[in-house]
Amino acid sequence: MEAKLAKLYTELRTTSEELLKRMESSNGSNEIQEILKEELNDIEATMVKIKTGQYGICEMSGEMIPAEVLKIMPTIKSLKDIEGLNSFFRKPINTI
């Protein structure tokens, strides 16, 4: 595993542990718990992709997801997801 991916993997593992602790100690609403659970699932799926060499590959088309997008959102799953994210930004993120 190259150094950048190893660093990302470590960061994701730390975030995963933090989310698990928060979920265990939280008395929050079910909606918040569901959001945390979804984020945890995304992080864990990304960690598997890093381990298996599938990180950065669109789940729908098999094409590479732009590195600029992965820097912003390392858990992104597909190129189609970029379209949805672009609605939140003034400038499309795939042109950064």
N, C-alpha and C. Protein backbone atom coordinates (compact mmCIF):
# COMPACT_ATOMS: atom_id res chain seq x y z
N MET A 1 0.86 -1.17 0.00
CA MET A 1 0.00 0.00 0.00
C MET A 1 0.91 1.23 0.00
N GLU A 2 0.66 2.13 -0.93
CA GLU A 2 1.50 3.32 -1.00
C GLU A 2 1.26 4.22 0.21
N ALA A 3 2.20 5.12 0.46
CA ALA A 3 2.20 5.93 1.68
C ALA A 3 0.93 6.76 1.83
N LYS A 4 0.46 7.38 0.74
CA LYS A 4 -0.74 8.22 0.84
C LYS A 4 -1.96 7.39 1.22
N LEU A 5 -2.08 6.21 0.63
CA LEU A 5 -3.22 5.35 0.95
C LEU A 5 -3.10 4.79 2.37
N ALA A 6 -1.88 4.51 2.80
CA ALA A 6 -1.68 4.03 4.16
C ALA A 6 -2.08 5.11 5.16
N LYS A 7 -1.74 6.35 4.87
CA LYS A 7 -2.12 7.47 5.75
C LYS A 7 -3.64 7.63 5.77
N LEU A 8 -4.26 7.58 4.59
CA LEU A 8 -5.72 7.70 4.51
C LEU A 8 -6.37 6.55 5.28
N TYR A 9 -5.87 5.34 5.12
CA TYR A 9 -6.42 4.18 5.82
C TYR A 9 -6.36 4.40 7.33
N THR A 10 -5.25 4.91 7.82
CA THR A 10 -5.09 5.17 9.25
C THR A 10 -6.10 6.23 9.72
N GLU A 11 -6.26 7.28 8.92
CA GLU A 11 -7.22 8.33 9.26
C GLU A 11 -8.64 7.78 9.29
N LEU A 12 -8.97 6.95 8.32
CA LEU A 12 -10.31 6.36 8.27
C LEU A 12 -10.54 5.42 9.46
N ARG A 13 -9.53 4.65 9.81
CA ARG A 13 -9.65 3.75 10.97
C ARG A 13 -9.88 4.55 12.25
N THR A 14 -9.17 5.65 12.41
CA THR A 14 -9.34 6.51 13.59
C THR A 14 -10.75 7.09 13.62
N THR A 15 -11.21 7.57 12.48
CA THR A 15 -12.56 8.13 12.40
C THR A 15 -13.60 7.07 12.70
N SER A 16 -13.38 5.86 12.21
CA SER A 16 -14.29 4.75 12.47
C SER A 16 -14.39 4.48 13.97
N GLU A 17 -13.25 4.44 14.63
CA GLU A 17 -13.24 4.21 16.08
C GLU A 17 -13.96 5.33 16.83
N GLU A 18 -13.77 6.57 16.39
CA GLU A 18 -14.45 7.70 17.02
C GLU A 18 -15.96 7.61 16.84
N LEU A 19 -16.39 7.23 15.65
CA LEU A 19 -17.83 7.08 15.41
C LEU A 19 -18.43 5.97 16.26
N LEU A 20 -17.72 4.87 16.37
CA LEU A 20 -18.21 3.76 17.20
C LEU A 20 -18.36 4.20 18.65
N LYS A 21 -17.38 4.91 19.17
CA LYS A 21 -17.47 5.41 20.55
C LYS A 21 -18.64 6.35 20.71
N ARG A 22 -18.82 7.22 19.72
CA ARG A 22 -19.92 8.19 19.81
C ARG A 22 -21.27 7.48 19.75
N MET A 23 -21.36 6.47 18.91
CA MET A 23 -22.62 5.74 18.80
C MET A 23 -22.93 4.99 20.10
N GLU A 24 -21.91 4.44 20.73
CA GLU A 24 -22.11 3.69 21.97
C GLU A 24 -22.48 4.60 23.14
N SER A 25 -21.92 5.80 23.17
CA SER A 25 -22.16 6.70 24.29
C SER A 25 -23.29 7.69 24.05
N SER A 26 -23.78 7.74 22.84
CA SER A 26 -24.77 8.75 22.49
C SER A 26 -26.18 8.36 22.94
N ASN A 27 -26.85 9.33 23.48
CA ASN A 27 -28.27 9.19 23.80
C ASN A 27 -29.10 9.97 22.79
N GLY A 28 -28.49 10.23 21.63
CA GLY A 28 -29.13 11.03 20.60
C GLY A 28 -30.31 10.34 19.96
N SER A 29 -30.92 11.06 19.08
CA SER A 29 -32.11 10.56 18.39
C SER A 29 -31.74 9.42 17.44
N ASN A 30 -32.74 8.68 17.06
CA ASN A 30 -32.55 7.59 16.11
C ASN A 30 -32.03 8.11 14.77
N GLU A 31 -32.47 9.31 14.39
CA GLU A 31 -32.02 9.90 13.12
C GLU A 31 -30.52 10.13 13.14
N ILE A 32 -30.01 10.65 14.25
CA ILE A 32 -28.57 10.89 14.38
C ILE A 32 -27.82 9.56 14.36
N GLN A 33 -28.34 8.57 15.07
CA GLN A 33 -27.72 7.25 15.09
C GLN A 33 -27.64 6.66 13.68
N GLU A 34 -28.69 6.84 12.89
CA GLU A 34 -28.71 6.31 11.53
C GLU A 34 -27.67 7.01 10.65
N ILE A 35 -27.53 8.32 10.83
CA ILE A 35 -26.53 9.07 10.06
C ILE A 35 -25.13 8.58 10.42
N LEU A 36 -24.87 8.41 11.72
CA LEU A 36 -23.56 7.92 12.15
C LEU A 36 -23.30 6.52 11.61
N LYS A 37 -24.33 5.68 11.62
CA LYS A 37 -24.19 4.32 11.12
C LYS A 37 -23.88 4.31 9.62
N GLU A 38 -24.56 5.16 8.86
CA GLU A 38 -24.30 5.25 7.42
C GLU A 38 -22.87 5.72 7.15
N GLU A 39 -22.43 6.72 7.90
CA GLU A 39 -21.06 7.21 7.74
C GLU A 39 -20.06 6.13 8.08
N LEU A 40 -20.32 5.39 9.14
CA LEU A 40 -19.43 4.30 9.54
C LEU A 40 -19.37 3.23 8.44
N ASN A 41 -20.51 2.89 7.87
CA ASN A 41 -20.55 1.91 6.78
C ASN A 41 -19.74 2.39 5.58
N ASP A 42 -19.87 3.69 5.24
CA ASP A 42 -19.11 4.25 4.12
C ASP A 42 -17.61 4.18 4.39
N ILE A 43 -17.21 4.50 5.60
CA ILE A 43 -15.80 4.46 5.97
C ILE A 43 -15.26 3.04 5.90
N GLU A 44 -16.01 2.10 6.44
CA GLU A 44 -15.57 0.71 6.42
C GLU A 44 -15.47 0.17 4.99
N ALA A 45 -16.42 0.55 4.13
CA ALA A 45 -16.37 0.12 2.73
C ALA A 45 -15.15 0.71 2.03
N THR A 46 -14.82 1.95 2.34
CA THR A 46 -13.64 2.59 1.76
C THR A 46 -12.37 1.90 2.21
N MET A 47 -12.32 1.51 3.47
CA MET A 47 -11.14 0.80 3.98
C MET A 47 -10.95 -0.53 3.26
N VAL A 48 -12.04 -1.23 2.98
CA VAL A 48 -11.97 -2.49 2.24
C VAL A 48 -11.44 -2.23 0.83
N LYS A 49 -11.92 -1.16 0.20
CA LYS A 49 -11.46 -0.82 -1.15
C LYS A 49 -9.97 -0.54 -1.16
N ILE A 50 -9.48 0.15 -0.16
CA ILE A 50 -8.05 0.43 -0.09
C ILE A 50 -7.28 -0.89 0.01
N LYS A 51 -7.74 -1.77 0.87
CA LYS A 51 -7.05 -3.07 1.06
C LYS A 51 -7.06 -3.92 -0.20
N THR A 52 -8.14 -3.85 -0.97
CA THR A 52 -8.29 -4.72 -2.14
C THR A 52 -7.85 -4.07 -3.45
N GLY A 53 -7.37 -2.83 -3.38
CA GLY A 53 -6.91 -2.14 -4.58
C GLY A 53 -8.02 -1.56 -5.43
N GLN A 54 -9.21 -1.42 -4.87
CA GLN A 54 -10.35 -0.89 -5.61
C GLN A 54 -10.65 0.57 -5.29
N TYR A 55 -9.83 1.18 -4.45
CA TYR A 55 -10.08 2.56 -4.03
C TYR A 55 -9.95 3.51 -5.22
N GLY A 56 -10.92 4.40 -5.34
CA GLY A 56 -10.90 5.41 -6.39
C GLY A 56 -11.55 4.97 -7.68
N ILE A 57 -12.12 3.78 -7.69
CA ILE A 57 -12.78 3.27 -8.88
C ILE A 57 -14.29 3.39 -8.70
N CYS A 58 -14.95 3.98 -9.68
CA CYS A 58 -16.40 4.16 -9.64
C CYS A 58 -17.09 2.81 -9.55
N GLU A 59 -17.99 2.66 -8.59
CA GLU A 59 -18.72 1.40 -8.41
C GLU A 59 -19.69 1.11 -9.55
N MET A 60 -20.08 2.15 -10.29
CA MET A 60 -21.06 1.95 -11.35
C MET A 60 -20.41 1.70 -12.71
N SER A 61 -19.40 2.50 -13.03
CA SER A 61 -18.82 2.44 -14.37
C SER A 61 -17.46 1.76 -14.43
N GLY A 62 -16.78 1.68 -13.30
CA GLY A 62 -15.43 1.14 -13.29
C GLY A 62 -14.37 2.15 -13.67
N GLU A 63 -14.78 3.37 -13.96
CA GLU A 63 -13.83 4.44 -14.29
C GLU A 63 -13.20 4.99 -13.02
N MET A 64 -12.07 5.66 -13.19
CA MET A 64 -11.40 6.27 -12.05
C MET A 64 -12.13 7.55 -11.63
N ILE A 65 -12.27 7.72 -10.34
CA ILE A 65 -12.82 8.95 -9.77
C ILE A 65 -11.66 9.94 -9.68
N PRO A 66 -11.86 11.20 -10.11
CA PRO A 66 -10.77 12.17 -10.08
C PRO A 66 -10.15 12.32 -8.68
N ALA A 67 -8.83 12.39 -8.65
CA ALA A 67 -8.09 12.50 -7.39
C ALA A 67 -8.53 13.72 -6.59
N GLU A 68 -8.87 14.81 -7.28
CA GLU A 68 -9.31 16.03 -6.60
C GLU A 68 -10.58 15.78 -5.79
N VAL A 69 -11.46 14.96 -6.33
CA VAL A 69 -12.70 14.62 -5.65
C VAL A 69 -12.42 13.72 -4.45
N LEU A 70 -11.54 12.75 -4.64
CA LEU A 70 -11.20 11.84 -3.55
C LEU A 70 -10.54 12.58 -2.39
N LYS A 71 -9.80 13.64 -2.67
CA LYS A 71 -9.19 14.44 -1.60
C LYS A 71 -10.27 15.09 -0.74
N ILE A 72 -11.33 15.55 -1.39
CA ILE A 72 -12.41 16.24 -0.69
C ILE A 72 -13.31 15.25 0.03
N MET A 73 -13.62 14.15 -0.63
CA MET A 73 -14.55 13.16 -0.08
C MET A 73 -14.04 11.76 -0.37
N PRO A 74 -13.16 11.25 0.49
CA PRO A 74 -12.55 9.95 0.21
C PRO A 74 -13.50 8.76 0.21
N THR A 75 -14.71 8.94 0.73
CA THR A 75 -15.66 7.82 0.77
C THR A 75 -16.64 7.83 -0.40
N ILE A 76 -16.43 8.70 -1.36
CA ILE A 76 -17.35 8.78 -2.51
C ILE A 76 -17.33 7.46 -3.27
N LYS A 77 -18.48 7.04 -3.76
CA LYS A 77 -18.61 5.72 -4.36
C LYS A 77 -18.64 5.72 -5.88
N SER A 78 -19.17 6.79 -6.46
CA SER A 78 -19.33 6.77 -7.91
C SER A 78 -19.23 8.17 -8.51
N LEU A 79 -19.04 8.19 -9.82
CA LEU A 79 -19.01 9.46 -10.54
C LEU A 79 -20.38 10.13 -10.48
N LYS A 80 -21.43 9.35 -10.41
CA LYS A 80 -22.78 9.91 -10.32
C LYS A 80 -22.95 10.68 -9.01
N ASP A 81 -22.30 10.23 -7.96
CA ASP A 81 -22.37 10.94 -6.68
C ASP A 81 -21.79 12.35 -6.79
N ILE A 82 -20.84 12.54 -7.69
CA ILE A 82 -20.24 13.87 -7.89
C ILE A 82 -21.31 14.84 -8.36
N GLU A 83 -22.17 14.39 -9.24
CA GLU A 83 -23.24 15.25 -9.75
C GLU A 83 -24.11 15.76 -8.60
N GLY A 84 -24.44 14.87 -7.67
CA GLY A 84 -25.24 15.27 -6.52
C GLY A 84 -24.52 16.26 -5.62
N LEU A 85 -23.22 16.08 -5.45
CA LEU A 85 -22.44 16.99 -4.63
C LEU A 85 -22.32 18.37 -5.26
N ASN A 86 -22.25 18.41 -6.57
CA ASN A 86 -22.07 19.69 -7.25
C ASN A 86 -23.20 20.67 -6.96
N SER A 87 -24.37 20.17 -6.61
CA SER A 87 -25.49 21.06 -6.31
C SER A 87 -25.27 21.85 -5.03
N PHE A 88 -24.29 21.44 -4.20
CA PHE A 88 -24.01 22.13 -2.95
C PHE A 88 -22.90 23.16 -3.06
N PHE A 89 -22.22 23.22 -4.18
CA PHE A 89 -21.07 24.09 -4.35
C PHE A 89 -21.32 25.13 -5.43
N ARG A 90 -20.70 26.28 -5.30
CA ARG A 90 -20.80 27.31 -6.34
C ARG A 90 -20.06 26.89 -7.59
N LYS A 91 -18.92 26.23 -7.41
CA LYS A 91 -18.11 25.76 -8.52
C LYS A 91 -18.08 24.24 -8.45
N PRO A 92 -18.30 23.55 -9.58
CA PRO A 92 -18.28 22.10 -9.54
C PRO A 92 -16.97 21.57 -8.96
N ILE A 93 -17.06 20.56 -8.09
CA ILE A 93 -15.86 20.08 -7.42
C ILE A 93 -14.92 19.32 -8.34
N ASN A 94 -15.41 18.82 -9.44
CA ASN A 94 -14.51 18.08 -10.34
C ASN A 94 -13.70 19.00 -11.23
N THR A 95 -13.81 20.31 -11.05
CA THR A 95 -12.98 21.26 -11.78
C THR A 95 -11.98 21.95 -10.86
N ILE A 96 -11.90 21.52 -9.62
CA ILE A 96 -10.99 22.13 -8.64
C ILE A 96 -9.58 21.78 -9.00
